[in-house]
Amino acid sequence: MLSVHCVVKQIGSCKRSFLNLAAAATQHQKLHSQPKWFSFGEETKTSLKNITQIKNAPASALVYGVSGLIPFTVIPAFMYQTSMFVPELAYAQLAYSAVILSFLGGVRWGSSISNPEVLHNLD
């Protein structure tokens, strides 16, 4: 039969080992909480710092840039406001998004081909 002292001692050691395990898990989580691919590059950080300079951009560029966001925002806003899912609209938005993504990929490849130095910086 176990004495009360032995039971308390075992509970205390279990508690300490659990706390050590929790601390190790927290430390592990801090080390691996943000994926490596999620971090911003220097070019992106510089661009975000200069976002206040957008007021100096040409008005036509701002109008075209903001109007390009309309198809991405109007359809989800419409479905949210009406609380109704319309599969045809969702498909249209996905198709439009795929076309725009393909176009931007083509622009990136085109600029990479014209400037071979960019190809070496993609790694």
PDB file of N, CA and C in Angstrom:
ATOM      1  N   MET A   1       0.840  -1.173   0.000  1.00  0.00           N
ATOM      2  CA  MET A   1       0.000   0.000   0.000  1.00  0.00           C
ATOM      3  C   MET A   1       0.889   1.241   0.000  1.00  0.00           C
ATOM      4  N   LEU A   2       0.539   2.194  -0.880  1.00  0.00           N
ATOM      5  CA  LEU A   2       1.320   3.415  -1.003  1.00  0.00           C
ATOM      6  C   LEU A   2       0.959   4.404   0.094  1.00  0.00           C
ATOM      7  N   SER A   3       1.962   5.058   0.575  1.00  0.00           N
ATOM      8  CA  SER A   3       1.687   6.087   1.572  1.00  0.00           C
ATOM      9  C   SER A   3       1.296   7.384   0.857  1.00  0.00           C
ATOM     10  N   VAL A   4       0.697   8.280   1.598  1.00  0.00           N
ATOM     11  CA  VAL A   4       0.265   9.570   1.054  1.00  0.00           C
ATOM     12  C   VAL A   4       1.474  10.348   0.553  1.00  0.00           C
ATOM     13  N   HIS A   5       2.592  10.236   1.246  1.00  0.00           N
ATOM     14  CA  HIS A   5       3.807  10.948   0.860  1.00  0.00           C
ATOM     15  C   HIS A   5       4.284  10.489  -0.528  1.00  0.00           C
ATOM     16  N   CYS A   6       4.242   9.190  -0.806  1.00  0.00           N
ATOM     17  CA  CYS A   6       4.662   8.663  -2.109  1.00  0.00           C
ATOM     18  C   CYS A   6       3.725   9.138  -3.221  1.00  0.00           C
ATOM     19  N   VAL A   7       2.431   9.157  -2.940  1.00  0.00           N
ATOM     20  CA  VAL A   7       1.468   9.595  -3.949  1.00  0.00           C
ATOM     21  C   VAL A   7       1.677  11.063  -4.270  1.00  0.00           C
ATOM     22  N   VAL A   8       1.867  11.897  -3.250  1.00  0.00           N
ATOM     23  CA  VAL A   8       2.093  13.328  -3.462  1.00  0.00           C
ATOM     24  C   VAL A   8       3.391  13.541  -4.223  1.00  0.00           C
ATOM     25  N   LYS A   9       4.413  12.767  -3.898  1.00  0.00           N
ATOM     26  CA  LYS A   9       5.694  12.885  -4.587  1.00  0.00           C
ATOM     27  C   LYS A   9       5.536  12.512  -6.064  1.00  0.00           C
ATOM     28  N   GLN A  10       4.771  11.461  -6.358  1.00  0.00           N
ATOM     29  CA  GLN A  10       4.560  11.052  -7.741  1.00  0.00           C
ATOM     30  C   GLN A  10       3.751  12.111  -8.504  1.00  0.00           C
ATOM     31  N   ILE A  11       2.748  12.666  -7.875  1.00  0.00           N
ATOM     32  CA  ILE A  11       1.952  13.711  -8.522  1.00  0.00           C
ATOM     33  C   ILE A  11       2.817  14.928  -8.811  1.00  0.00           C
ATOM     34  N   GLY A  12       3.669  15.301  -7.875  1.00  0.00           N
ATOM     35  CA  GLY A  12       4.566  16.440  -8.069  1.00  0.00           C
ATOM     36  C   GLY A  12       5.529  16.208  -9.212  1.00  0.00           C
ATOM     37  N   SER A  13       6.079  14.996  -9.318  1.00  0.00           N
ATOM     38  CA  SER A  13       7.004  14.719 -10.414  1.00  0.00           C
ATOM     39  C   SER A  13       6.271  14.694 -11.740  1.00  0.00           C
ATOM     40  N   CYS A  14       5.040  14.188 -11.753  1.00  0.00           N
ATOM     41  CA  CYS A  14       4.249  14.201 -12.992  1.00  0.00           C
ATOM     42  C   CYS A  14       3.943  15.634 -13.409  1.00  0.00           C
ATOM     43  N   LYS A  15       3.625  16.462 -12.420  1.00  0.00           N
ATOM     44  CA  LYS A  15       3.300  17.855 -12.720  1.00  0.00           C
ATOM     45  C   LYS A  15       4.514  18.570 -13.308  1.00  0.00           C
ATOM     46  N   ARG A  16       5.699  18.330 -12.717  1.00  0.00           N
ATOM     47  CA  ARG A  16       6.913  18.970 -13.224  1.00  0.00           C
ATOM     48  C   ARG A  16       7.222  18.490 -14.641  1.00  0.00           C
ATOM     49  N   SER A  17       7.090  17.191 -14.885  1.00  0.00           N
ATOM     50  CA  SER A  17       7.388  16.681 -16.222  1.00  0.00           C
ATOM     51  C   SER A  17       6.369  17.213 -17.235  1.00  0.00           C
ATOM     52  N   PHE A  18       5.127  17.363 -16.821  1.00  0.00           N
ATOM     53  CA  PHE A  18       4.121  17.922 -17.721  1.00  0.00           C
ATOM     54  C   PHE A  18       4.444  19.376 -18.037  1.00  0.00           C
ATOM     55  N   LEU A  19       4.867  20.138 -17.030  1.00  0.00           N
ATOM     56  CA  LEU A  19       5.224  21.535 -17.267  1.00  0.00           C
ATOM     57  C   LEU A  19       6.435  21.636 -18.177  1.00  0.00           C
ATOM     58  N   ASN A  20       7.418  20.750 -17.997  1.00  0.00           N
ATOM     59  CA  ASN A  20       8.587  20.746 -18.880  1.00  0.00           C
ATOM     60  C   ASN A  20       8.181  20.409 -20.313  1.00  0.00           C
ATOM     61  N   LEU A  21       7.271  19.461 -20.440  1.00  0.00           N
ATOM     62  CA  LEU A  21       6.783  19.093 -21.763  1.00  0.00           C
ATOM     63  C   LEU A  21       6.032  20.262 -22.401  1.00  0.00           C
ATOM     64  N   ALA A  22       5.218  20.956 -21.625  1.00  0.00           N
ATOM     65  CA  ALA A  22       4.473  22.107 -22.146  1.00  0.00           C
ATOM     66  C   ALA A  22       5.427  23.223 -22.564  1.00  0.00           C
ATOM     67  N   ALA A  23       6.469  23.460 -21.767  1.00  0.00           N
ATOM     68  CA  ALA A  23       7.443  24.497 -22.107  1.00  0.00           C
ATOM     69  C   ALA A  23       8.203  24.123 -23.374  1.00  0.00           C
ATOM     70  N   ALA A  24       8.553  22.859 -23.522  1.00  0.00           N
ATOM     71  CA  ALA A  24       9.259  22.422 -24.725  1.00  0.00           C
ATOM     72  C   ALA A  24       8.363  22.556 -25.948  1.00  0.00           C
ATOM     73  N   ALA A  25       7.086  22.223 -25.798  1.00  0.00           N
ATOM     74  CA  ALA A  25       6.159  22.346 -26.921  1.00  0.00           C
ATOM     75  C   ALA A  25       5.982  23.808 -27.315  1.00  0.00           C
ATOM     76  N   THR A  26       5.916  24.689 -26.340  1.00  0.00           N
ATOM     77  CA  THR A  26       5.776  26.115 -26.623  1.00  0.00           C
ATOM     78  C   THR A  26       7.020  26.635 -27.334  1.00  0.00           C
ATOM     79  N   GLN A  27       8.193  26.211 -26.865  1.00  0.00           N
ATOM     80  CA  GLN A  27       9.431  26.640 -27.505  1.00  0.00           C
ATOM     81  C   GLN A  27       9.496  26.092 -28.931  1.00  0.00           C
ATOM     82  N   HIS A  28       9.079  24.856 -29.130  1.00  0.00           N
ATOM     83  CA  HIS A  28       9.066  24.268 -30.463  1.00  0.00           C
ATOM     84  C   HIS A  28       8.097  25.022 -31.364  1.00  0.00           C
ATOM     85  N   GLN A  29       6.968  25.423 -30.820  1.00  0.00           N
ATOM     86  CA  GLN A  29       5.970  26.146 -31.596  1.00  0.00           C
ATOM     87  C   GLN A  29       6.515  27.512 -32.012  1.00  0.00           C
ATOM     88  N   LYS A  30       7.259  28.160 -31.147  1.00  0.00           N
ATOM     89  CA  LYS A  30       7.822  29.465 -31.493  1.00  0.00           C
ATOM     90  C   LYS A  30       8.825  29.338 -32.628  1.00  0.00           C
ATOM     91  N   LEU A  31       9.615  28.260 -32.612  1.00  0.00           N
ATOM     92  CA  LEU A  31      10.613  28.083 -33.644  1.00  0.00           C
ATOM     93  C   LEU A  31       9.984  27.784 -35.000  1.00  0.00           C
ATOM     94  N   HIS A  32       8.864  27.080 -35.004  1.00  0.00           N
ATOM     95  CA  HIS A  32       8.285  26.620 -36.253  1.00  0.00           C
ATOM     96  C   HIS A  32       6.893  27.173 -36.503  1.00  0.00           C
ATOM     97  N   SER A  33       6.532  28.280 -35.898  1.00  0.00           N
ATOM     98  CA  SER A  33       5.176  28.785 -36.040  1.00  0.00           C
ATOM     99  C   SER A  33       4.942  29.476 -37.384  1.00  0.00           C
ATOM    100  N   GLN A  34       5.975  30.006 -38.005  1.00  0.00           N
ATOM    101  CA  GLN A  34       5.802  30.700 -39.271  1.00  0.00           C
ATOM    102  C   GLN A  34       6.581  29.956 -40.353  1.00  0.00           C
ATOM    103  N   PRO A  35       5.899  29.508 -41.396  1.00  0.00           N
ATOM    104  CA  PRO A  35       6.601  28.786 -42.461  1.00  0.00           C
ATOM    105  C   PRO A  35       7.636  29.676 -43.133  1.00  0.00           C
ATOM    106  N   LYS A  36       8.686  29.041 -43.641  1.00  0.00           N
ATOM    107  CA  LYS A  36       9.757  29.790 -44.278  1.00  0.00           C
ATOM    108  C   LYS A  36       9.264  30.528 -45.519  1.00  0.00           C
ATOM    109  N   TRP A  37       8.361  29.919 -46.281  1.00  0.00           N
ATOM    110  CA  TRP A  37       7.866  30.535 -47.500  1.00  0.00           C
ATOM    111  C   TRP A  37       6.943  31.713 -47.206  1.00  0.00           C
ATOM    112  N   PHE A  38       6.506  31.850 -45.958  1.00  0.00           N
ATOM    113  CA  PHE A  38       5.573  32.908 -45.600  1.00  0.00           C
ATOM    114  C   PHE A  38       6.269  34.237 -45.342  1.00  0.00           C
ATOM    115  N   SER A  39       7.565  34.234 -45.154  1.00  0.00           N
ATOM    116  CA  SER A  39       8.271  35.470 -44.837  1.00  0.00           C
ATOM    117  C   SER A  39       8.411  36.332 -46.091  1.00  0.00           C
ATOM    118  N   PHE A  40       8.381  37.627 -45.901  1.00  0.00           N
ATOM    119  CA  PHE A  40       8.477  38.572 -47.001  1.00  0.00           C
ATOM    120  C   PHE A  40       9.928  38.789 -47.375  1.00  0.00           C
ATOM    121  N   GLY A  41      10.176  39.006 -48.657  1.00  0.00           N
ATOM    122  CA  GLY A  41      11.508  39.343 -49.134  1.00  0.00           C
ATOM    123  C   GLY A  41      11.788  40.824 -48.910  1.00  0.00           C
ATOM    124  N   GLU A  42      13.015  41.212 -49.150  1.00  0.00           N
ATOM    125  CA  GLU A  42      13.413  42.608 -48.937  1.00  0.00           C
ATOM    126  C   GLU A  42      12.669  43.552 -49.880  1.00  0.00           C
ATOM    127  N   GLU A  43      12.446  43.097 -51.115  1.00  0.00           N
ATOM    128  CA  GLU A  43      11.751  43.942 -52.082  1.00  0.00           C
ATOM    129  C   GLU A  43      10.317  44.225 -51.629  1.00  0.00           C
ATOM    130  N   THR A  44       9.661  43.214 -51.094  1.00  0.00           N
ATOM    131  CA  THR A  44       8.287  43.384 -50.617  1.00  0.00           C
ATOM    132  C   THR A  44       8.260  44.289 -49.391  1.00  0.00           C
ATOM    133  N   LYS A  45       9.207  44.120 -48.490  1.00  0.00           N
ATOM    134  CA  LYS A  45       9.265  44.978 -47.300  1.00  0.00           C
ATOM    135  C   LYS A  45       9.468  46.438 -47.690  1.00  0.00           C
ATOM    136  N   THR A  46      10.334  46.673 -48.666  1.00  0.00           N
ATOM    137  CA  THR A  46      10.572  48.038 -49.130  1.00  0.00           C
ATOM    138  C   THR A  46       9.314  48.613 -49.775  1.00  0.00           C
ATOM    139  N   SER A  47       8.618  47.785 -50.549  1.00  0.00           N
ATOM    140  CA  SER A  47       7.383  48.241 -51.190  1.00  0.00           C
ATOM    141  C   SER A  47       6.336  48.610 -50.149  1.00  0.00           C
ATOM    142  N   LEU A  48       6.221  47.793 -49.094  1.00  0.00           N
ATOM    143  CA  LEU A  48       5.241  48.092 -48.058  1.00  0.00           C
ATOM    144  C   LEU A  48       5.598  49.344 -47.272  1.00  0.00           C
ATOM    145  N   LYS A  49       6.880  49.620 -47.110  1.00  0.00           N
ATOM    146  CA  LYS A  49       7.290  50.846 -46.428  1.00  0.00           C
ATOM    147  C   LYS A  49       6.950  52.077 -47.256  1.00  0.00           C
ATOM    148  N   ASN A  50       6.978  51.925 -48.587  1.00  0.00           N
ATOM    149  CA  ASN A  50       6.734  53.052 -49.489  1.00  0.00           C
ATOM    150  C   ASN A  50       5.271  53.176 -49.894  1.00  0.00           C
ATOM    151  N   ILE A  51       4.366  52.483 -49.219  1.00  0.00           N
ATOM    152  CA  ILE A  51       2.958  52.525 -49.601  1.00  0.00           C
ATOM    153  C   ILE A  51       2.364  53.923 -49.422  1.00  0.00           C
ATOM    154  N   THR A  52       2.939  54.723 -48.557  1.00  0.00           N
ATOM    155  CA  THR A  52       2.428  56.080 -48.363  1.00  0.00           C
ATOM    156  C   THR A  52       2.678  56.958 -49.591  1.00  0.00           C
ATOM    157  N   GLN A  53       3.586  56.545 -50.470  1.00  0.00           N
ATOM    158  CA  GLN A  53       3.889  57.313 -51.674  1.00  0.00           C
ATOM    159  C   GLN A  53       2.877  57.063 -52.791  1.00  0.00           C
ATOM    160  N   ILE A  54       1.829  56.301 -52.495  1.00  0.00           N
ATOM    161  CA  ILE A  54       0.831  55.992 -53.523  1.00  0.00           C
ATOM    162  C   ILE A  54       0.104  57.251 -53.989  1.00  0.00           C
ATOM    163  N   LYS A  55       0.058  58.250 -53.155  1.00  0.00           N
ATOM    164  CA  LYS A  55      -0.615  59.500 -53.555  1.00  0.00           C
ATOM    165  C   LYS A  55       0.125  60.201 -54.687  1.00  0.00           C
ATOM    166  N   ASN A  56       1.390  59.856 -54.908  1.00  0.00           N
ATOM    167  CA  ASN A  56       2.170  60.456 -55.999  1.00  0.00           C
ATOM    168  C   ASN A  56       2.027  59.681 -57.308  1.00  0.00           C
ATOM    169  N   ALA A  57       1.292  58.571 -57.303  1.00  0.00           N
ATOM    170  CA  ALA A  57       1.117  57.756 -58.502  1.00  0.00           C
ATOM    171  C   ALA A  57       0.162  58.458 -59.464  1.00  0.00           C
ATOM    172  N   PRO A  58       0.293  58.178 -60.760  1.00  0.00           N
ATOM    173  CA  PRO A  58      -0.637  58.773 -61.731  1.00  0.00           C
ATOM    174  C   PRO A  58      -2.067  58.306 -61.465  1.00  0.00           C
ATOM    175  N   ALA A  59      -3.013  59.192 -61.653  1.00  0.00           N
ATOM    176  CA  ALA A  59      -4.416  58.883 -61.364  1.00  0.00           C
ATOM    177  C   ALA A  59      -4.933  57.743 -62.239  1.00  0.00           C
ATOM    178  N   SER A  60      -4.505  57.690 -63.490  1.00  0.00           N
ATOM    179  CA  SER A  60      -4.991  56.626 -64.379  1.00  0.00           C
ATOM    180  C   SER A  60      -4.528  55.254 -63.891  1.00  0.00           C
ATOM    181  N   ALA A  61      -3.320  55.162 -63.390  1.00  0.00           N
ATOM    182  CA  ALA A  61      -2.815  53.889 -62.873  1.00  0.00           C
ATOM    183  C   ALA A  61      -3.608  53.461 -61.640  1.00  0.00           C
ATOM    184  N   LEU A  62      -3.948  54.412 -60.790  1.00  0.00           N
ATOM    185  CA  LEU A  62      -4.741  54.085 -59.605  1.00  0.00           C
ATOM    186  C   LEU A  62      -6.150  53.649 -59.978  1.00  0.00           C
ATOM    187  N   VAL A  63      -6.750  54.324 -60.955  1.00  0.00           N
ATOM    188  CA  VAL A  63      -8.110  53.967 -61.382  1.00  0.00           C
ATOM    189  C   VAL A  63      -8.120  52.562 -61.971  1.00  0.00           C
ATOM    190  N   TYR A  64      -7.170  52.265 -62.856  1.00  0.00           N
ATOM    191  CA  TYR A  64      -7.118  50.930 -63.450  1.00  0.00           C
ATOM    192  C   TYR A  64      -6.790  49.865 -62.401  1.00  0.00           C
ATOM    193  N   GLY A  65      -5.913  50.180 -61.481  1.00  0.00           N
ATOM    194  CA  GLY A  65      -5.554  49.219 -60.435  1.00  0.00           C
ATOM    195  C   GLY A  65      -6.717  48.887 -59.528  1.00  0.00           C
ATOM    196  N   VAL A  66      -7.442  49.904 -59.097  1.00  0.00           N
ATOM    197  CA  VAL A  66      -8.582  49.681 -58.204  1.00  0.00           C
ATOM    198  C   VAL A  66      -9.737  49.030 -58.956  1.00  0.00           C
ATOM    199  N   SER A  67      -9.961  49.429 -60.218  1.00  0.00           N
ATOM    200  CA  SER A  67     -11.049  48.815 -60.977  1.00  0.00           C
ATOM    201  C   SER A  67     -10.761  47.351 -61.298  1.00  0.00           C
ATOM    202  N   GLY A  68      -9.509  46.960 -61.309  1.00  0.00           N
ATOM    203  CA  GLY A  68      -9.164  45.552 -61.497  1.00  0.00           C
ATOM    204  C   GLY A  68      -9.556  44.689 -60.314  1.00  0.00           C
ATOM    205  N   LEU A  69      -9.782  45.301 -59.169  1.00  0.00           N
ATOM    206  CA  LEU A  69     -10.203  44.556 -57.983  1.00  0.00           C
ATOM    207  C   LEU A  69     -11.711  44.344 -57.919  1.00  0.00           C
ATOM    208  N   ILE A  70     -12.456  45.058 -58.758  1.00  0.00           N
ATOM    209  CA  ILE A  70     -13.923  44.974 -58.708  1.00  0.00           C
ATOM    210  C   ILE A  70     -14.430  43.547 -58.900  1.00  0.00           C
ATOM    211  N   PRO A  71     -13.996  42.807 -59.913  1.00  0.00           N
ATOM    212  CA  PRO A  71     -14.531  41.447 -60.070  1.00  0.00           C
ATOM    213  C   PRO A  71     -14.188  40.522 -58.904  1.00  0.00           C
ATOM    214  N   PHE A  72     -13.092  40.786 -58.233  1.00  0.00           N
ATOM    215  CA  PHE A  72     -12.715  39.944 -57.100  1.00  0.00           C
ATOM    216  C   PHE A  72     -13.531  40.247 -55.852  1.00  0.00           C
ATOM    217  N   THR A  73     -14.087  41.430 -55.766  1.00  0.00           N
ATOM    218  CA  THR A  73     -14.796  41.818 -54.545  1.00  0.00           C
ATOM    219  C   THR A  73     -16.310  41.858 -54.683  1.00  0.00           C
ATOM    220  N   VAL A  74     -16.812  42.180 -55.869  1.00  0.00           N
ATOM    221  CA  VAL A  74     -18.253  42.372 -56.039  1.00  0.00           C
ATOM    222  C   VAL A  74     -19.019  41.051 -55.898  1.00  0.00           C
ATOM    223  N   ILE A  75     -18.532  40.001 -56.536  1.00  0.00           N
ATOM    224  CA  ILE A  75     -19.256  38.728 -56.497  1.00  0.00           C
ATOM    225  C   ILE A  75     -19.338  38.165 -55.082  1.00  0.00           C
ATOM    226  N   PRO A  76     -18.215  38.084 -54.327  1.00  0.00           N
ATOM    227  CA  PRO A  76     -18.351  37.603 -52.947  1.00  0.00           C
ATOM    228  C   PRO A  76     -19.209  38.526 -52.078  1.00  0.00           C
ATOM    229  N   ALA A  77     -19.116  39.843 -52.302  1.00  0.00           N
ATOM    230  CA  ALA A  77     -19.939  40.776 -51.521  1.00  0.00           C
ATOM    231  C   ALA A  77     -21.421  40.573 -51.830  1.00  0.00           C
ATOM    232  N   PHE A  78     -21.737  40.351 -53.101  1.00  0.00           N
ATOM    233  CA  PHE A  78     -23.127  40.105 -53.487  1.00  0.00           C
ATOM    234  C   PHE A  78     -23.658  38.836 -52.820  1.00  0.00           C
ATOM    235  N   MET A  79     -22.858  37.771 -52.879  1.00  0.00           N
ATOM    236  CA  MET A  79     -23.306  36.509 -52.274  1.00  0.00           C
ATOM    237  C   MET A  79     -23.431  36.630 -50.763  1.00  0.00           C
ATOM    238  N   TYR A  80     -22.541  37.401 -50.160  1.00  0.00           N
ATOM    239  CA  TYR A  80     -22.610  37.593 -48.704  1.00  0.00           C
ATOM    240  C   TYR A  80     -23.846  38.411 -48.314  1.00  0.00           C
ATOM    241  N   GLN A  81     -24.119  39.468 -49.054  1.00  0.00           N
ATOM    242  CA  GLN A  81     -25.261  40.334 -48.736  1.00  0.00           C
ATOM    243  C   GLN A  81     -26.597  39.623 -48.937  1.00  0.00           C
ATOM    244  N   THR A  82     -26.682  38.813 -49.983  1.00  0.00           N
ATOM    245  CA  THR A  82     -27.932  38.117 -50.252  1.00  0.00           C
ATOM    246  C   THR A  82     -28.035  36.794 -49.502  1.00  0.00           C
ATOM    247  N   SER A  83     -26.964  36.364 -48.869  1.00  0.00           N
ATOM    248  CA  SER A  83     -26.912  35.066 -48.167  1.00  0.00           C
ATOM    249  C   SER A  83     -27.333  33.929 -49.093  1.00  0.00           C
ATOM    250  N   MET A  84     -26.883  34.023 -50.328  1.00  0.00           N
ATOM    251  CA  MET A  84     -27.262  33.026 -51.317  1.00  0.00           C
ATOM    252  C   MET A  84     -26.016  32.693 -52.153  1.00  0.00           C
ATOM    253  N   PHE A  85     -25.758  31.400 -52.307  1.00  0.00           N
ATOM    254  CA  PHE A  85     -24.640  30.956 -53.127  1.00  0.00           C
ATOM    255  C   PHE A  85     -25.142  30.694 -54.536  1.00  0.00           C
ATOM    256  N   VAL A  86     -24.527  31.370 -55.504  1.00  0.00           N
ATOM    257  CA  VAL A  86     -24.896  31.202 -56.907  1.00  0.00           C
ATOM    258  C   VAL A  86     -23.715  30.512 -57.593  1.00  0.00           C
ATOM    259  N   PRO A  87     -23.864  29.229 -57.920  1.00  0.00           N
ATOM    260  CA  PRO A  87     -22.736  28.493 -58.489  1.00  0.00           C
ATOM    261  C   PRO A  87     -22.201  29.097 -59.790  1.00  0.00           C
ATOM    262  N   GLU A  88     -23.066  29.660 -60.609  1.00  0.00           N
ATOM    263  CA  GLU A  88     -22.615  30.254 -61.871  1.00  0.00           C
ATOM    264  C   GLU A  88     -21.704  31.456 -61.618  1.00  0.00           C
ATOM    265  N   LEU A  89     -22.064  32.270 -60.648  1.00  0.00           N
ATOM    266  CA  LEU A  89     -21.221  33.423 -60.314  1.00  0.00           C
ATOM    267  C   LEU A  89     -19.893  32.984 -59.704  1.00  0.00           C
ATOM    268  N   ALA A  90     -19.940  31.974 -58.845  1.00  0.00           N
ATOM    269  CA  ALA A  90     -18.708  31.463 -58.241  1.00  0.00           C
ATOM    270  C   ALA A  90     -17.793  30.898 -59.323  1.00  0.00           C
ATOM    271  N   TYR A  91     -18.364  30.166 -60.275  1.00  0.00           N
ATOM    272  CA  TYR A  91     -17.568  29.624 -61.373  1.00  0.00           C
ATOM    273  C   TYR A  91     -16.987  30.751 -62.226  1.00  0.00           C
ATOM    274  N   ALA A  92     -17.784  31.764 -62.499  1.00  0.00           N
ATOM    275  CA  ALA A  92     -17.299  32.900 -63.287  1.00  0.00           C
ATOM    276  C   ALA A  92     -16.142  33.596 -62.582  1.00  0.00           C
ATOM    277  N   GLN A  93     -16.247  33.747 -61.270  1.00  0.00           N
ATOM    278  CA  GLN A  93     -15.166  34.393 -60.535  1.00  0.00           C
ATOM    279  C   GLN A  93     -13.906  33.537 -60.558  1.00  0.00           C
ATOM    280  N   LEU A  94     -14.047  32.228 -60.388  1.00  0.00           N
ATOM    281  CA  LEU A  94     -12.883  31.342 -60.454  1.00  0.00           C
ATOM    282  C   LEU A  94     -12.239  31.369 -61.832  1.00  0.00           C
ATOM    283  N   ALA A  95     -13.051  31.382 -62.878  1.00  0.00           N
ATOM    284  CA  ALA A  95     -12.506  31.433 -64.235  1.00  0.00           C
ATOM    285  C   ALA A  95     -11.775  32.752 -64.464  1.00  0.00           C
ATOM    286  N   TYR A  96     -12.370  33.852 -64.021  1.00  0.00           N
ATOM    287  CA  TYR A  96     -11.725  35.158 -64.163  1.00  0.00           C
ATOM    288  C   TYR A  96     -10.408  35.190 -63.383  1.00  0.00           C
ATOM    289  N   SER A  97     -10.414  34.654 -62.185  1.00  0.00           N
ATOM    290  CA  SER A  97      -9.199  34.625 -61.358  1.00  0.00           C
ATOM    291  C   SER A  97      -8.113  33.794 -62.032  1.00  0.00           C
ATOM    292  N   ALA A  98      -8.494  32.673 -62.637  1.00  0.00           N
ATOM    293  CA  ALA A  98      -7.516  31.831 -63.319  1.00  0.00           C
ATOM    294  C   ALA A  98      -6.908  32.555 -64.515  1.00  0.00           C
ATOM    295  N   VAL A  99      -7.733  33.289 -65.248  1.00  0.00           N
ATOM    296  CA  VAL A  99      -7.227  34.039 -66.404  1.00  0.00           C
ATOM    297  C   VAL A  99      -6.262  35.121 -65.953  1.00  0.00           C
ATOM    298  N   ILE A 100      -6.616  35.852 -64.920  1.00  0.00           N
ATOM    299  CA  ILE A 100      -5.741  36.919 -64.417  1.00  0.00           C
ATOM    300  C   ILE A 100      -4.440  36.339 -63.884  1.00  0.00           C
ATOM    301  N   LEU A 101      -4.526  35.235 -63.149  1.00  0.00           N
ATOM    302  CA  LEU A 101      -3.321  34.594 -62.629  1.00  0.00           C
ATOM    303  C   LEU A 101      -2.427  34.112 -63.759  1.00  0.00           C
ATOM    304  N   SER A 102      -3.014  33.542 -64.796  1.00  0.00           N
ATOM    305  CA  SER A 102      -2.235  33.105 -65.961  1.00  0.00           C
ATOM    306  C   SER A 102      -1.568  34.293 -66.645  1.00  0.00           C
ATOM    307  N   PHE A 103      -2.291  35.387 -66.757  1.00  0.00           N
ATOM    308  CA  PHE A 103      -1.728  36.582 -67.380  1.00  0.00           C
ATOM    309  C   PHE A 103      -0.542  37.099 -66.564  1.00  0.00           C
ATOM    310  N   LEU A 104      -0.705  37.169 -65.253  1.00  0.00           N
ATOM    311  CA  LEU A 104       0.394  37.661 -64.419  1.00  0.00           C
ATOM    312  C   LEU A 104       1.597  36.725 -64.468  1.00  0.00           C
ATOM    313  N   GLY A 105       1.333  35.414 -64.550  1.00  0.00           N
ATOM    314  CA  GLY A 105       2.439  34.465 -64.711  1.00  0.00           C
ATOM    315  C   GLY A 105       3.166  34.682 -66.024  1.00  0.00           C
ATOM    316  N   GLY A 106       2.404  34.962 -67.101  1.00  0.00           N
ATOM    317  CA  GLY A 106       3.021  35.248 -68.386  1.00  0.00           C
ATOM    318  C   GLY A 106       3.855  36.518 -68.352  1.00  0.00           C
ATOM    319  N   VAL A 107       3.361  37.525 -67.642  1.00  0.00           N
ATOM    320  CA  VAL A 107       4.124  38.775 -67.506  1.00  0.00           C
ATOM    321  C   VAL A 107       5.424  38.518 -66.764  1.00  0.00           C
ATOM    322  N   ARG A 108       5.352  37.711 -65.720  1.00  0.00           N
ATOM    323  CA  ARG A 108       6.581  37.411 -64.954  1.00  0.00           C
ATOM    324  C   ARG A 108       7.581  36.640 -65.813  1.00  0.00           C
ATOM    325  N   TRP A 109       7.115  35.636 -66.535  1.00  0.00           N
ATOM    326  CA  TRP A 109       8.018  34.884 -67.407  1.00  0.00           C
ATOM    327  C   TRP A 109       8.578  35.772 -68.510  1.00  0.00           C
ATOM    328  N   GLY A 110       7.751  36.635 -69.061  1.00  0.00           N
ATOM    329  CA  GLY A 110       8.234  37.533 -70.109  1.00  0.00           C
ATOM    330  C   GLY A 110       9.323  38.458 -69.607  1.00  0.00           C
ATOM    331  N   SER A 111       9.148  38.987 -68.402  1.00  0.00           N
ATOM    332  CA  SER A 111      10.185  39.863 -67.850  1.00  0.00           C
ATOM    333  C   SER A 111      11.428  39.070 -67.476  1.00  0.00           C
ATOM    334  N   SER A 112      11.270  37.809 -67.107  1.00  0.00           N
ATOM    335  CA  SER A 112      12.427  36.974 -66.772  1.00  0.00           C
ATOM    336  C   SER A 112      13.231  36.625 -68.019  1.00  0.00           C
ATOM    337  N   ILE A 113      12.551  36.373 -69.120  1.00  0.00           N
ATOM    338  CA  ILE A 113      13.255  36.026 -70.357  1.00  0.00           C
ATOM    339  C   ILE A 113      14.029  37.220 -70.884  1.00  0.00           C
ATOM    340  N   SER A 114      13.441  38.401 -70.764  1.00  0.00           N
ATOM    341  CA  SER A 114      14.135  39.590 -71.256  1.00  0.00           C
ATOM    342  C   SER A 114      15.278  40.002 -70.342  1.00  0.00           C
ATOM    343  N   ASN A 115      15.251  39.572 -69.100  1.00  0.00           N
ATOM    344  CA  ASN A 115      16.304  39.907 -68.142  1.00  0.00           C
ATOM    345  C   ASN A 115      16.780  38.601 -67.491  1.00  0.00           C
ATOM    346  N   PRO A 116      17.818  37.954 -68.029  1.00  0.00           N
ATOM    347  CA  PRO A 116      18.256  36.658 -67.495  1.00  0.00           C
ATOM    348  C   PRO A 116      18.735  36.723 -66.047  1.00  0.00           C
ATOM    349  N   GLU A 117      19.085  37.893 -65.574  1.00  0.00           N
ATOM    350  CA  GLU A 117      19.546  38.038 -64.188  1.00  0.00           C
ATOM    351  C   GLU A 117      18.432  37.683 -63.206  1.00  0.00           C
ATOM    352  N   VAL A 118      17.189  37.927 -63.598  1.00  0.00           N
ATOM    353  CA  VAL A 118      16.041  37.631 -62.727  1.00  0.00           C
ATOM    354  C   VAL A 118      15.895  36.128 -62.520  1.00  0.00           C
ATOM    355  N   LEU A 119      16.193  35.333 -63.539  1.00  0.00           N
ATOM    356  CA  LEU A 119      16.074  33.875 -63.424  1.00  0.00           C
ATOM    357  C   LEU A 119      16.972  33.323 -62.330  1.00  0.00           C
ATOM    358  N   HIS A 120      18.143  33.916 -62.147  1.00  0.00           N
ATOM    359  CA  HIS A 120      19.063  33.433 -61.114  1.00  0.00           C
ATOM    360  C   HIS A 120      18.613  33.841 -59.718  1.00  0.00           C
ATOM    361  N   ASN A 121      17.808  34.900 -59.604  1.00  0.00           N
ATOM    362  CA  ASN A 121      17.341  35.371 -58.307  1.00  0.00           C
ATOM    363  C   ASN A 121      16.086  34.652 -57.836  1.00  0.00           C
ATOM    364  N   LEU A 122      15.498  33.800 -58.653  1.00  0.00           N
ATOM    365  CA  LEU A 122      14.266  33.092 -58.254  1.00  0.00           C
ATOM    366  C   LEU A 122      14.545  31.988 -57.265  1.00  0.00           C
ATOM    367  N   ASP A 123      15.752  31.521 -57.147  1.00  0.00           N
ATOM    368  CA  ASP A 123      16.064  30.404 -56.232  1.00  0.00           C
ATOM    369  C   ASP A 123      16.000  30.786 -54.809  1.00  0.00           C
TER     370      ASP A 123
END
